[in-house]
N, C-alpha and C. Protein backbone atom coordinates (compact mmCIF):
# COMPACT_ATOMS: atom_id res chain seq x y z
N MET A 1 0.99 -15.47 -25.52
CA MET A 1 2.25 -14.41 -24.85
C MET A 1 3.06 -14.62 -25.94
N SER A 2 3.18 -13.16 -26.59
CA SER A 2 4.34 -13.33 -27.41
C SER A 2 5.59 -13.35 -26.81
N PRO A 3 6.48 -13.76 -27.69
CA PRO A 3 8.34 -14.05 -27.31
C PRO A 3 8.90 -12.79 -26.86
N LEU A 4 9.70 -12.75 -26.14
CA LEU A 4 10.61 -11.51 -25.79
C LEU A 4 11.37 -11.29 -27.11
N THR A 5 11.05 -9.87 -27.45
CA THR A 5 12.41 -9.28 -28.33
C THR A 5 13.67 -9.30 -27.83
N ASP A 6 14.63 -9.36 -29.11
CA ASP A 6 16.11 -9.02 -28.90
C ASP A 6 16.46 -8.23 -27.57
N GLU A 7 15.81 -6.96 -28.03
CA GLU A 7 16.09 -5.71 -27.11
C GLU A 7 15.64 -6.52 -25.67
N GLN A 8 14.31 -6.81 -25.50
CA GLN A 8 13.95 -7.13 -24.02
C GLN A 8 15.02 -8.70 -23.50
N LEU A 9 15.32 -9.27 -24.11
CA LEU A 9 16.30 -10.10 -23.59
C LEU A 9 17.60 -9.70 -23.27
N ASP A 10 17.81 -8.41 -24.15
CA ASP A 10 19.55 -8.00 -23.78
C ASP A 10 19.27 -7.19 -22.41
N ARG A 11 18.03 -6.35 -22.39
CA ARG A 11 17.83 -5.28 -21.21
C ARG A 11 17.35 -5.94 -20.13
N TYR A 12 16.84 -7.46 -20.07
CA TYR A 12 16.36 -7.95 -18.75
C TYR A 12 17.02 -9.34 -18.61
N ALA A 13 18.13 -9.53 -18.97
CA ALA A 13 19.52 -10.43 -19.28
C ALA A 13 19.37 -11.13 -17.56
N ARG A 14 19.74 -10.22 -16.71
CA ARG A 14 19.72 -10.42 -15.36
C ARG A 14 18.93 -10.86 -14.43
N HIS A 15 17.70 -10.79 -15.09
CA HIS A 15 16.22 -11.36 -14.67
C HIS A 15 16.23 -12.86 -15.41
N ILE A 16 16.46 -13.02 -16.26
CA ILE A 16 16.29 -14.16 -17.05
C ILE A 16 17.26 -14.81 -16.68
N VAL A 17 18.47 -14.98 -16.37
CA VAL A 17 19.40 -16.02 -15.72
C VAL A 17 18.98 -16.36 -14.23
N LEU A 18 18.19 -15.85 -13.84
CA LEU A 18 17.21 -16.20 -12.45
C LEU A 18 16.79 -17.18 -12.28
N ARG A 19 17.07 -18.40 -12.09
CA ARG A 19 16.17 -19.69 -11.51
C ARG A 19 14.80 -19.48 -11.41
N ASP A 20 14.58 -18.56 -10.53
CA ASP A 20 13.44 -17.92 -10.16
C ASP A 20 12.23 -17.11 -10.70
N ILE A 21 13.00 -16.49 -11.83
CA ILE A 21 12.22 -15.62 -12.82
C ILE A 21 12.39 -16.17 -13.99
N GLY A 22 13.42 -16.25 -14.67
CA GLY A 22 13.82 -16.80 -15.87
C GLY A 22 13.17 -15.86 -17.01
N GLY A 23 12.63 -16.47 -18.39
CA GLY A 23 12.14 -16.02 -19.23
C GLY A 23 10.83 -15.59 -19.41
N ALA A 24 9.88 -17.05 -18.48
CA ALA A 24 8.58 -16.98 -18.49
C ALA A 24 8.31 -16.18 -17.01
N GLY A 25 9.27 -15.87 -16.30
CA GLY A 25 8.86 -15.13 -15.22
C GLY A 25 8.89 -13.52 -15.51
N GLN A 26 10.08 -13.01 -16.66
CA GLN A 26 9.95 -11.93 -17.20
C GLN A 26 8.86 -11.22 -18.01
N LYS A 27 8.19 -12.32 -18.68
CA LYS A 27 6.85 -11.94 -19.50
C LYS A 27 5.73 -12.00 -18.54
N LYS A 28 5.33 -12.80 -17.32
CA LYS A 28 4.65 -12.22 -16.28
C LYS A 28 4.98 -10.54 -15.73
N ILE A 29 6.35 -10.12 -15.52
CA ILE A 29 6.68 -8.75 -14.93
C ILE A 29 6.22 -7.98 -16.10
N LEU A 30 6.38 -8.52 -17.29
CA LEU A 30 6.14 -7.13 -18.68
C LEU A 30 4.43 -7.18 -18.51
N ASP A 31 3.54 -7.95 -18.13
CA ASP A 31 2.45 -8.16 -18.12
C ASP A 31 1.49 -7.50 -17.07
N ALA A 32 2.55 -7.14 -15.79
CA ALA A 32 1.97 -7.13 -14.68
C ALA A 32 1.46 -5.45 -14.49
N HIS A 33 0.56 -5.12 -13.65
CA HIS A 33 0.36 -3.81 -13.40
C HIS A 33 0.29 -3.69 -12.11
N VAL A 34 0.81 -2.87 -11.24
CA VAL A 34 0.91 -2.35 -9.85
C VAL A 34 0.65 -1.03 -9.73
N LEU A 35 -0.65 -0.68 -8.72
CA LEU A 35 -0.23 -0.11 -8.12
C LEU A 35 0.39 0.80 -6.94
N VAL A 36 0.84 2.00 -6.92
CA VAL A 36 1.73 2.31 -5.71
C VAL A 36 1.25 3.61 -5.34
N VAL A 37 0.83 3.55 -4.19
CA VAL A 37 -0.14 5.01 -3.18
C VAL A 37 0.81 5.39 -2.56
N GLY A 38 1.41 6.81 -3.13
CA GLY A 38 2.27 7.16 -2.41
C GLY A 38 3.67 7.23 -3.20
N ALA A 39 3.97 8.57 -3.62
CA ALA A 39 5.49 8.82 -4.10
C ALA A 39 6.28 9.59 -3.49
N GLY A 40 6.56 8.96 -2.34
CA GLY A 40 7.65 9.23 -1.25
C GLY A 40 8.64 8.79 -1.01
N GLY A 41 8.87 8.73 0.22
CA GLY A 41 10.26 7.64 0.69
C GLY A 41 10.34 6.45 0.21
N ILE A 42 9.16 5.94 0.28
CA ILE A 42 8.94 4.23 -0.07
C ILE A 42 8.64 4.24 -1.50
N GLY A 43 7.43 4.96 -2.00
CA GLY A 43 7.12 5.03 -3.28
C GLY A 43 8.26 5.21 -4.34
N CYS A 44 8.99 6.43 -3.98
CA CYS A 44 9.97 6.56 -5.23
C CYS A 44 11.19 5.54 -5.53
N PRO A 45 11.77 4.67 -4.56
CA PRO A 45 12.22 3.55 -5.10
C PRO A 45 11.72 2.57 -5.61
N ALA A 46 10.50 2.32 -4.94
CA ALA A 46 9.65 1.13 -5.70
C ALA A 46 9.57 1.45 -7.10
N ILE A 47 8.76 2.78 -7.28
CA ILE A 47 8.47 2.84 -8.92
C ILE A 47 10.04 3.00 -9.72
N GLN A 48 10.91 3.28 -9.10
CA GLN A 48 12.11 3.51 -10.15
C GLN A 48 12.58 2.24 -10.33
N TYR A 49 12.57 1.09 -9.40
CA TYR A 49 12.96 -0.21 -9.29
C TYR A 49 12.24 -1.13 -10.18
N LEU A 50 10.75 -0.96 -9.84
CA LEU A 50 9.83 -1.79 -10.88
C LEU A 50 9.87 -1.17 -12.43
N ALA A 51 9.98 0.42 -12.88
CA ALA A 51 10.43 0.74 -13.79
C ALA A 51 11.53 -0.25 -14.46
N ALA A 52 12.50 -0.31 -13.95
CA ALA A 52 13.78 -1.11 -14.32
C ALA A 52 13.46 -2.43 -14.66
N ALA A 53 12.55 -2.87 -13.59
CA ALA A 53 12.51 -4.38 -13.97
C ALA A 53 11.51 -4.85 -14.99
N GLY A 54 11.24 -3.70 -15.72
CA GLY A 54 10.15 -4.25 -16.73
C GLY A 54 8.81 -3.98 -16.56
N ILE A 55 8.43 -3.63 -15.44
CA ILE A 55 6.80 -4.01 -14.86
C ILE A 55 6.04 -3.53 -16.05
N GLY A 56 5.06 -4.04 -16.47
CA GLY A 56 4.17 -3.46 -17.84
C GLY A 56 3.35 -2.16 -17.32
N ALA A 57 3.19 -1.91 -16.53
CA ALA A 57 2.03 -0.83 -16.06
C ALA A 57 1.81 -0.61 -14.53
N LEU A 58 2.48 0.80 -14.38
CA LEU A 58 2.39 1.49 -13.10
C LEU A 58 1.22 2.52 -13.01
N THR A 59 0.36 2.56 -12.01
CA THR A 59 -0.36 3.60 -11.54
C THR A 59 0.22 4.24 -10.34
N ILE A 60 0.22 5.66 -10.44
CA ILE A 60 1.10 6.23 -9.11
C ILE A 60 -0.01 6.70 -8.67
N MET A 61 -0.43 7.23 -7.38
CA MET A 61 -1.59 7.83 -6.47
C MET A 61 -0.47 8.84 -5.44
N ASP A 62 -0.82 9.89 -5.53
CA ASP A 62 -0.43 10.81 -4.57
C ASP A 62 -1.04 12.31 -4.72
N ASP A 63 -1.34 12.70 -3.92
CA ASP A 63 -1.77 14.61 -4.01
C ASP A 63 -0.81 15.54 -3.35
N ASP A 64 0.19 14.99 -3.79
CA ASP A 64 1.23 16.01 -2.93
C ASP A 64 1.92 16.57 -3.68
N VAL A 65 2.83 17.69 -3.55
CA VAL A 65 3.84 18.53 -4.52
C VAL A 65 5.28 18.13 -3.84
N VAL A 66 6.14 18.00 -4.88
CA VAL A 66 7.46 18.03 -4.31
C VAL A 66 7.96 19.21 -3.55
N SER A 67 8.62 19.05 -2.39
CA SER A 67 9.01 20.18 -1.25
C SER A 67 10.68 19.91 -1.22
N LEU A 68 11.22 20.82 -1.08
CA LEU A 68 12.88 20.89 -0.55
C LEU A 68 13.12 19.73 0.36
N SER A 69 12.67 19.68 1.37
CA SER A 69 12.74 18.80 2.48
C SER A 69 12.50 17.20 1.91
N ASN A 70 12.00 16.98 0.72
CA ASN A 70 11.67 15.53 0.05
C ASN A 70 13.19 15.18 -0.37
N LEU A 71 13.84 15.95 -0.80
CA LEU A 71 15.12 15.63 -1.86
C LEU A 71 16.07 15.04 -1.16
N GLN A 72 16.20 14.55 0.18
CA GLN A 72 17.48 13.93 0.49
C GLN A 72 17.06 12.50 0.62
N ARG A 73 15.84 12.17 0.42
CA ARG A 73 15.55 10.71 0.34
C ARG A 73 14.45 10.23 -0.52
N GLN A 74 13.74 11.15 -1.18
CA GLN A 74 12.89 10.76 -2.29
C GLN A 74 13.56 11.26 -3.51
N VAL A 75 14.12 9.85 -3.98
CA VAL A 75 15.14 10.01 -5.19
C VAL A 75 14.71 10.29 -6.53
N LEU A 76 13.34 10.41 -6.92
CA LEU A 76 12.98 10.85 -8.35
C LEU A 76 12.82 12.40 -8.43
N PHE A 77 13.12 12.87 -7.46
CA PHE A 77 12.96 14.34 -7.73
C PHE A 77 14.60 15.12 -7.35
N GLY A 78 14.49 16.25 -7.79
CA GLY A 78 15.62 17.16 -7.78
C GLY A 78 14.96 18.43 -7.58
N GLU A 79 15.57 19.57 -7.43
CA GLU A 79 15.28 21.09 -7.21
C GLU A 79 14.57 21.49 -7.87
N LYS A 80 14.90 21.31 -9.30
CA LYS A 80 14.08 22.07 -10.15
C LYS A 80 12.42 21.31 -10.56
N ASP A 81 12.12 20.26 -9.52
CA ASP A 81 10.93 19.86 -9.18
C ASP A 81 10.03 20.44 -8.27
N VAL A 82 10.68 20.88 -7.46
CA VAL A 82 10.00 21.72 -6.04
C VAL A 82 8.99 22.46 -6.61
N GLY A 83 7.70 21.89 -5.78
CA GLY A 83 6.30 22.70 -6.36
C GLY A 83 5.43 21.99 -7.37
N LYS A 84 6.09 21.01 -8.13
CA LYS A 84 5.78 20.23 -8.79
C LYS A 84 4.74 19.32 -8.37
N ALA A 85 3.69 18.73 -8.87
CA ALA A 85 2.83 17.30 -8.65
C ALA A 85 4.04 16.28 -8.79
N LYS A 86 4.04 15.42 -7.28
CA LYS A 86 4.90 14.62 -7.51
C LYS A 86 4.67 13.18 -8.64
N VAL A 87 3.55 13.11 -8.50
CA VAL A 87 2.88 11.71 -9.79
C VAL A 87 3.38 12.55 -11.26
N GLU A 88 3.37 13.83 -11.14
CA GLU A 88 4.04 14.07 -12.91
C GLU A 88 5.34 13.77 -12.94
N VAL A 89 5.98 14.45 -11.83
CA VAL A 89 7.34 14.11 -11.69
C VAL A 89 8.10 12.49 -11.72
N ALA A 90 7.40 11.87 -11.15
CA ALA A 90 7.77 10.56 -11.03
C ALA A 90 7.25 9.81 -12.47
N LYS A 91 6.22 9.97 -13.18
CA LYS A 91 5.75 9.41 -14.08
C LYS A 91 7.10 9.83 -15.23
N VAL A 92 7.59 11.15 -15.31
CA VAL A 92 8.71 11.58 -16.40
C VAL A 92 9.91 10.63 -16.05
N ALA A 93 10.17 10.78 -14.76
CA ALA A 93 11.26 9.81 -14.25
C ALA A 93 11.19 8.21 -14.36
N ALA A 94 10.14 7.80 -14.16
CA ALA A 94 9.77 6.37 -14.70
C ALA A 94 10.12 6.19 -15.90
N GLN A 95 9.27 7.18 -16.85
CA GLN A 95 9.59 7.02 -18.45
C GLN A 95 11.01 6.94 -18.72
N ARG A 96 11.69 7.65 -18.09
CA ARG A 96 12.98 7.97 -18.52
C ARG A 96 13.89 6.56 -18.32
N ILE A 97 13.69 6.06 -17.00
CA ILE A 97 14.23 4.67 -16.85
C ILE A 97 13.93 3.69 -17.68
N ASN A 98 12.54 3.40 -17.96
CA ASN A 98 12.01 2.65 -19.41
C ASN A 98 10.87 3.31 -20.01
N PRO A 99 10.93 3.54 -21.19
CA PRO A 99 10.04 3.89 -21.77
C PRO A 99 9.03 3.01 -22.22
N ASP A 100 9.06 1.89 -22.09
CA ASP A 100 7.94 0.85 -22.55
C ASP A 100 7.24 0.55 -21.32
N VAL A 101 7.05 1.20 -20.13
CA VAL A 101 6.51 0.86 -18.92
C VAL A 101 5.45 1.93 -18.89
N GLU A 102 4.13 1.52 -19.42
CA GLU A 102 2.81 2.40 -19.28
C GLU A 102 2.84 3.25 -17.78
N ILE A 103 3.00 4.47 -17.70
CA ILE A 103 2.42 5.07 -16.33
C ILE A 103 1.46 5.78 -16.46
N ILE A 104 0.62 5.32 -15.53
CA ILE A 104 -0.52 6.29 -15.20
C ILE A 104 -0.67 7.01 -14.17
N SER A 105 -0.84 8.69 -13.98
CA SER A 105 -0.62 8.97 -12.82
C SER A 105 -2.20 9.68 -11.96
N LEU A 106 -2.42 9.59 -11.26
CA LEU A 106 -2.96 10.13 -10.53
C LEU A 106 -3.10 11.39 -9.27
N ASN A 107 -3.41 12.50 -9.56
CA ASN A 107 -2.90 13.18 -8.51
C ASN A 107 -4.46 13.52 -7.49
N GLN A 108 -4.16 12.48 -6.72
CA GLN A 108 -5.48 12.68 -5.48
C GLN A 108 -4.79 11.63 -4.55
N ARG A 109 -5.53 11.63 -3.52
CA ARG A 109 -5.46 10.93 -2.36
C ARG A 109 -6.15 9.87 -2.41
N LEU A 110 -5.94 8.68 -2.26
CA LEU A 110 -6.92 7.62 -2.26
C LEU A 110 -8.15 7.65 -1.13
N SER A 111 -9.29 7.80 -2.01
CA SER A 111 -10.43 7.90 -1.17
C SER A 111 -11.58 6.93 -1.29
N SER A 112 -12.12 6.37 -0.66
CA SER A 112 -13.39 5.41 -0.89
C SER A 112 -14.19 6.30 -1.64
N GLU A 113 -14.60 7.42 -1.38
CA GLU A 113 -15.46 8.34 -1.58
C GLU A 113 -15.29 8.47 -3.34
N LYS A 114 -14.13 8.57 -3.45
CA LYS A 114 -13.70 9.16 -4.96
C LYS A 114 -14.01 8.03 -6.10
N LEU A 115 -14.02 6.80 -5.80
CA LEU A 115 -14.27 5.43 -6.10
C LEU A 115 -15.40 5.16 -6.69
N PRO A 116 -15.45 5.00 -8.08
CA PRO A 116 -16.99 4.66 -8.80
C PRO A 116 -17.68 3.21 -7.88
N GLY A 117 -18.72 3.18 -7.84
CA GLY A 117 -19.13 2.13 -7.23
C GLY A 117 -18.63 1.64 -5.95
N ASP A 118 -18.06 0.57 -5.73
CA ASP A 118 -17.70 -0.09 -4.49
C ASP A 118 -16.16 -0.22 -4.63
N GLY A 119 -15.69 0.19 -5.94
CA GLY A 119 -14.06 0.11 -6.34
C GLY A 119 -13.72 -0.89 -6.98
N GLU A 120 -14.68 -1.94 -7.19
CA GLU A 120 -14.14 -3.07 -8.35
C GLU A 120 -13.66 -2.47 -9.48
N GLU A 121 -14.18 -1.36 -9.98
CA GLU A 121 -13.75 -1.49 -11.55
C GLU A 121 -12.51 -1.24 -11.33
N PHE A 122 -11.85 -0.13 -10.42
CA PHE A 122 -10.88 0.68 -10.26
C PHE A 122 -9.41 -0.45 -9.84
N PHE A 123 -9.90 -1.22 -8.97
CA PHE A 123 -8.92 -2.56 -8.64
C PHE A 123 -8.51 -3.26 -9.64
N ALA A 124 -9.61 -3.65 -10.47
CA ALA A 124 -9.46 -4.84 -10.97
C ALA A 124 -8.38 -4.93 -11.87
N PRO A 125 -7.39 -4.09 -12.56
CA PRO A 125 -6.51 -4.07 -13.32
C PRO A 125 -5.45 -4.69 -12.84
N PHE A 126 -5.02 -4.26 -11.47
CA PHE A 126 -4.08 -4.37 -10.45
C PHE A 126 -3.56 -5.94 -10.18
N ASP A 127 -2.12 -6.18 -10.32
CA ASP A 127 -1.71 -7.70 -9.98
C ASP A 127 -1.11 -7.32 -8.57
N ALA A 128 -0.45 -6.00 -8.34
CA ALA A 128 -0.28 -5.82 -6.57
C ALA A 128 -0.46 -4.76 -6.46
N ILE A 129 -0.41 -4.25 -5.08
CA ILE A 129 -0.61 -2.75 -4.54
C ILE A 129 0.91 -2.69 -3.23
N ILE A 130 1.41 -1.55 -3.95
CA ILE A 130 2.23 -1.17 -2.71
C ILE A 130 1.99 0.16 -2.21
N ASP A 131 1.66 -0.26 -0.94
CA ASP A 131 1.42 1.32 -0.21
C ASP A 131 2.40 1.88 0.45
N GLY A 132 2.94 3.04 -0.26
CA GLY A 132 3.79 4.00 0.46
C GLY A 132 2.92 4.94 1.34
N SER A 133 1.96 5.20 1.43
CA SER A 133 1.35 6.05 2.45
C SER A 133 2.03 6.22 3.26
N ASP A 134 1.67 8.08 4.00
CA ASP A 134 2.47 8.44 5.33
C ASP A 134 1.38 8.48 6.40
N ASN A 135 0.09 8.20 6.47
CA ASN A 135 -0.91 8.21 7.32
C ASN A 135 -1.35 6.99 7.73
N TYR A 136 -2.19 7.36 9.00
CA TYR A 136 -2.77 5.75 9.37
C TYR A 136 -4.07 5.53 8.25
N GLN A 137 -4.88 6.65 8.15
CA GLN A 137 -6.38 6.63 8.15
C GLN A 137 -6.04 5.89 6.37
N THR A 138 -4.95 6.36 5.49
CA THR A 138 -4.66 5.86 4.11
C THR A 138 -4.02 4.23 4.33
N ARG A 139 -3.26 3.93 5.03
CA ARG A 139 -2.79 2.63 5.12
C ARG A 139 -4.14 1.70 5.66
N LEU A 140 -5.20 2.47 6.51
CA LEU A 140 -5.95 0.89 6.67
C LEU A 140 -7.09 0.81 5.79
N LEU A 141 -7.42 1.95 5.11
CA LEU A 141 -7.97 2.09 3.64
C LEU A 141 -7.66 1.01 2.59
N VAL A 142 -6.01 1.54 2.48
CA VAL A 142 -5.55 0.36 1.20
C VAL A 142 -5.66 -1.05 2.04
N SER A 143 -5.59 -1.42 3.10
CA SER A 143 -5.60 -2.75 3.66
C SER A 143 -7.01 -3.24 3.24
N ASP A 144 -7.72 -2.55 3.71
CA ASP A 144 -9.40 -3.03 3.73
C ASP A 144 -9.83 -3.28 2.17
N LEU A 145 -9.34 -2.40 1.39
CA LEU A 145 -9.88 -2.24 0.13
C LEU A 145 -8.90 -3.68 -0.65
N SER A 146 -7.48 -3.65 -0.23
CA SER A 146 -6.87 -5.03 -0.81
C SER A 146 -7.52 -6.03 -0.66
N VAL A 147 -8.04 -6.34 0.57
CA VAL A 147 -8.82 -7.57 1.23
C VAL A 147 -9.98 -7.43 0.25
N LYS A 148 -10.86 -6.77 0.34
CA LYS A 148 -12.10 -6.86 -0.35
C LYS A 148 -12.12 -7.17 -1.54
N HIS A 149 -11.03 -6.59 -2.76
CA HIS A 149 -10.77 -6.73 -3.95
C HIS A 149 -9.68 -7.78 -4.48
N HIS A 150 -9.35 -8.40 -3.50
CA HIS A 150 -8.38 -9.50 -3.33
C HIS A 150 -7.14 -9.55 -4.24
N VAL A 151 -6.47 -8.05 -4.29
CA VAL A 151 -5.39 -7.54 -4.75
C VAL A 151 -4.31 -8.07 -3.63
N PRO A 152 -2.96 -8.49 -3.97
CA PRO A 152 -1.96 -8.66 -3.14
C PRO A 152 -1.39 -7.34 -2.70
N LEU A 153 -1.24 -7.31 -1.63
CA LEU A 153 -0.53 -5.90 -0.97
C LEU A 153 0.49 -5.91 -0.15
N VAL A 154 1.48 -5.09 -0.60
CA VAL A 154 2.76 -4.95 0.29
C VAL A 154 2.69 -3.47 1.04
N SER A 155 2.66 -3.60 2.36
CA SER A 155 2.48 -2.47 3.10
C SER A 155 3.89 -2.26 3.90
N ARG A 156 4.41 -0.90 3.70
CA ARG A 156 5.56 -0.84 4.53
C ARG A 156 5.77 0.42 4.97
N ARG A 157 6.30 -0.03 6.65
CA ARG A 157 5.95 1.24 7.74
C ARG A 157 7.51 1.99 7.90
N SER A 158 7.86 3.04 7.82
CA SER A 158 9.39 3.49 8.32
C SER A 158 9.38 4.61 8.99
N GLY A 159 10.15 4.99 9.97
CA GLY A 159 10.36 6.16 10.62
C GLY A 159 11.76 6.33 10.99
N SER A 160 11.94 7.32 10.81
CA SER A 160 13.13 7.72 11.64
C SER A 160 14.42 6.99 10.69
N SER A 161 14.98 5.94 11.44
CA SER A 161 15.86 4.90 10.56
C SER A 161 15.42 3.84 10.63
N ARG A 162 14.35 3.65 11.36
CA ARG A 162 13.87 2.29 11.48
C ARG A 162 12.63 2.02 10.37
N GLY A 163 12.46 0.48 10.24
CA GLY A 163 11.46 -0.09 9.53
C GLY A 163 11.04 -1.29 9.80
N SER A 164 9.85 -1.45 9.37
CA SER A 164 8.86 -2.82 10.15
C SER A 164 8.50 -3.92 8.70
N SER A 165 8.65 -4.84 8.55
CA SER A 165 8.04 -5.62 7.77
C SER A 165 7.68 -6.94 8.29
N ALA A 166 6.65 -7.77 7.93
CA ALA A 166 6.30 -8.80 8.19
C ALA A 166 5.32 -9.28 7.22
N PRO A 167 5.35 -10.76 7.20
CA PRO A 167 4.31 -11.45 6.40
C PRO A 167 2.87 -11.15 6.82
N SER A 168 1.71 -11.36 6.37
CA SER A 168 0.51 -11.38 6.54
C SER A 168 -0.61 -12.36 5.78
N ALA A 169 -1.05 -13.01 6.52
CA ALA A 169 -1.96 -14.18 5.75
C ALA A 169 -2.90 -13.25 4.95
N ALA A 170 -3.24 -13.87 3.67
CA ALA A 170 -4.59 -13.67 2.94
C ALA A 170 -5.60 -13.54 3.17
N GLY A 171 -6.35 -12.12 3.09
CA GLY A 171 -7.64 -12.11 3.36
C GLY A 171 -7.90 -11.27 4.83
N LYS A 172 -6.74 -11.05 5.42
CA LYS A 172 -6.74 -10.69 7.04
C LYS A 172 -6.34 -9.02 6.88
N ARG A 173 -6.85 -7.99 7.58
CA ARG A 173 -6.06 -6.56 7.56
C ARG A 173 -5.11 -6.85 8.14
N THR A 174 -4.10 -5.79 7.58
CA THR A 174 -2.89 -5.73 8.27
C THR A 174 -2.61 -4.07 8.82
N SER A 175 -1.81 -4.26 9.99
CA SER A 175 -1.81 -2.77 10.63
C SER A 175 -1.01 -2.06 9.98
N PRO A 176 -0.78 -0.75 10.34
CA PRO A 176 -0.06 0.25 9.60
C PRO A 176 1.71 -0.21 9.82
N ALA A 177 2.12 -0.95 10.69
CA ALA A 177 3.16 -1.50 10.78
C ALA A 177 3.74 -2.85 10.37
N THR A 178 2.90 -3.22 9.33
CA THR A 178 3.11 -4.62 8.88
C THR A 178 3.36 -4.34 7.13
N ALA A 179 4.54 -5.21 6.70
CA ALA A 179 4.52 -5.33 5.36
C ALA A 179 3.50 -6.79 5.07
N ALA A 180 2.67 -6.60 4.47
CA ALA A 180 1.89 -7.82 3.88
C ALA A 180 1.97 -7.97 2.44
N LEU A 181 2.06 -9.40 2.59
CA LEU A 181 2.55 -10.07 1.12
C LEU A 181 1.05 -10.86 0.84
N TRP A 182 -0.11 -10.31 0.11
CA TRP A 182 -0.87 -11.67 0.08
C TRP A 182 -0.86 -11.83 -1.73
N ALA A 183 -0.70 -13.21 -1.64
CA ALA A 183 -0.64 -13.95 -3.14
C ALA A 183 -2.18 -14.56 -3.04
N THR A 184 -2.90 -14.00 -3.43
CA THR A 184 -4.34 -14.24 -3.64
C THR A 184 -4.57 -14.61 -5.03
N ARG A 185 -3.52 -14.20 -5.84
CA ARG A 185 -3.85 -14.23 -7.37
C ARG A 185 -2.96 -15.11 -7.89
N SER A 186 -2.99 -14.83 -9.34
CA SER A 186 -2.31 -16.18 -9.86
C SER A 186 -0.56 -15.50 -10.02
N THR A 187 -0.55 -13.95 -9.70
CA THR A 187 0.78 -13.78 -9.91
C THR A 187 1.42 -13.27 -8.41
N PRO A 188 1.74 -14.02 -7.66
CA PRO A 188 2.47 -14.11 -6.35
C PRO A 188 3.72 -13.73 -6.43
N MET A 189 4.60 -13.64 -7.97
CA MET A 189 6.02 -13.41 -8.32
C MET A 189 6.04 -12.02 -8.18
N ILE A 190 4.90 -11.11 -8.62
CA ILE A 190 4.79 -10.13 -8.95
C ILE A 190 4.79 -9.21 -7.53
N ALA A 191 4.02 -9.91 -6.66
CA ALA A 191 4.04 -9.34 -5.22
C ALA A 191 5.29 -9.50 -4.43
N THR A 192 6.08 -10.57 -4.78
CA THR A 192 7.18 -10.84 -4.25
C THR A 192 7.90 -9.79 -4.50
N ILE A 193 8.22 -9.55 -5.93
CA ILE A 193 9.49 -8.46 -6.23
C ILE A 193 9.01 -7.01 -5.66
N ALA A 194 7.60 -7.11 -5.74
CA ALA A 194 6.86 -5.64 -5.21
C ALA A 194 7.44 -5.38 -3.86
N ALA A 195 7.23 -6.82 -2.98
CA ALA A 195 7.93 -6.86 -1.58
C ALA A 195 8.88 -6.36 -1.27
N LYS A 196 10.06 -7.10 -2.15
CA LYS A 196 11.46 -6.84 -1.92
C LYS A 196 11.93 -5.38 -2.32
N LEU A 197 11.12 -4.86 -3.28
CA LEU A 197 11.40 -3.36 -3.43
C LEU A 197 11.05 -2.34 -2.72
N ALA A 198 10.02 -2.42 -2.12
CA ALA A 198 9.34 -1.94 -1.24
C ALA A 198 9.68 -1.85 0.18
N CYS A 199 10.22 -2.99 0.68
CA CYS A 199 11.31 -2.99 1.84
C CYS A 199 12.48 -2.54 1.87
N SER A 200 13.09 -2.29 0.77
CA SER A 200 14.32 -1.30 0.34
C SER A 200 14.52 -0.23 0.74
N ALA A 201 13.21 0.37 1.22
CA ALA A 201 13.05 1.93 1.28
C ALA A 201 13.04 1.93 3.07
N ARG A 202 14.15 2.59 3.57
CA ARG A 202 14.01 2.51 4.86
C ARG A 202 13.79 3.78 5.92
N TRP A 203 13.50 4.83 4.64
CA TRP A 203 13.67 6.35 5.54
C TRP A 203 11.79 6.87 5.16
N SER A 204 11.54 7.49 6.15
CA SER A 204 9.69 7.59 6.18
C SER A 204 10.06 8.68 5.07
N GLY A 205 8.42 8.44 4.42
CA GLY A 205 7.97 9.35 3.12
C GLY A 205 7.57 10.69 3.33
């Protein structure tokens, strides 16, 4: 693992001075890859803060376009983005925040039918998943796939002005009303950071 550059030491100085992160922790963040399912009211702030934190790579998956009603809570979008694919606008916004982050945009809904084989190859690169989806079917699918492929999952449900979050044991399905943190890999810190970011979003997507 290469040492942090002078620019990285400056950019991530507030992380590095934290005892729970430090220089070694920041390197892990820089090497991590997070999948964000849904670029809405939960996904947008998660994408924003993960990019700012220096996450190595972000894959953003959503099949929706920006609408005017999204703008009061989906903070990556503006009026000029209405009608555009959310994943493409989010990609540009994240790269503007931190050009060093690799952004992969997938303009599609998560579907087991669209994943090659049993999905193992697709999920292999991810150190954590943030589920920001807005429907019951997708939440259950993300939960099942994260268990199957042993990827830590943060699932956040919000509605009106209320949100719910609670830890769930590794290897067990979570309900859509549960925020699950599954540190089954060697990167629990990445999942912890992702959980805190996802849980900061209070409004529905």
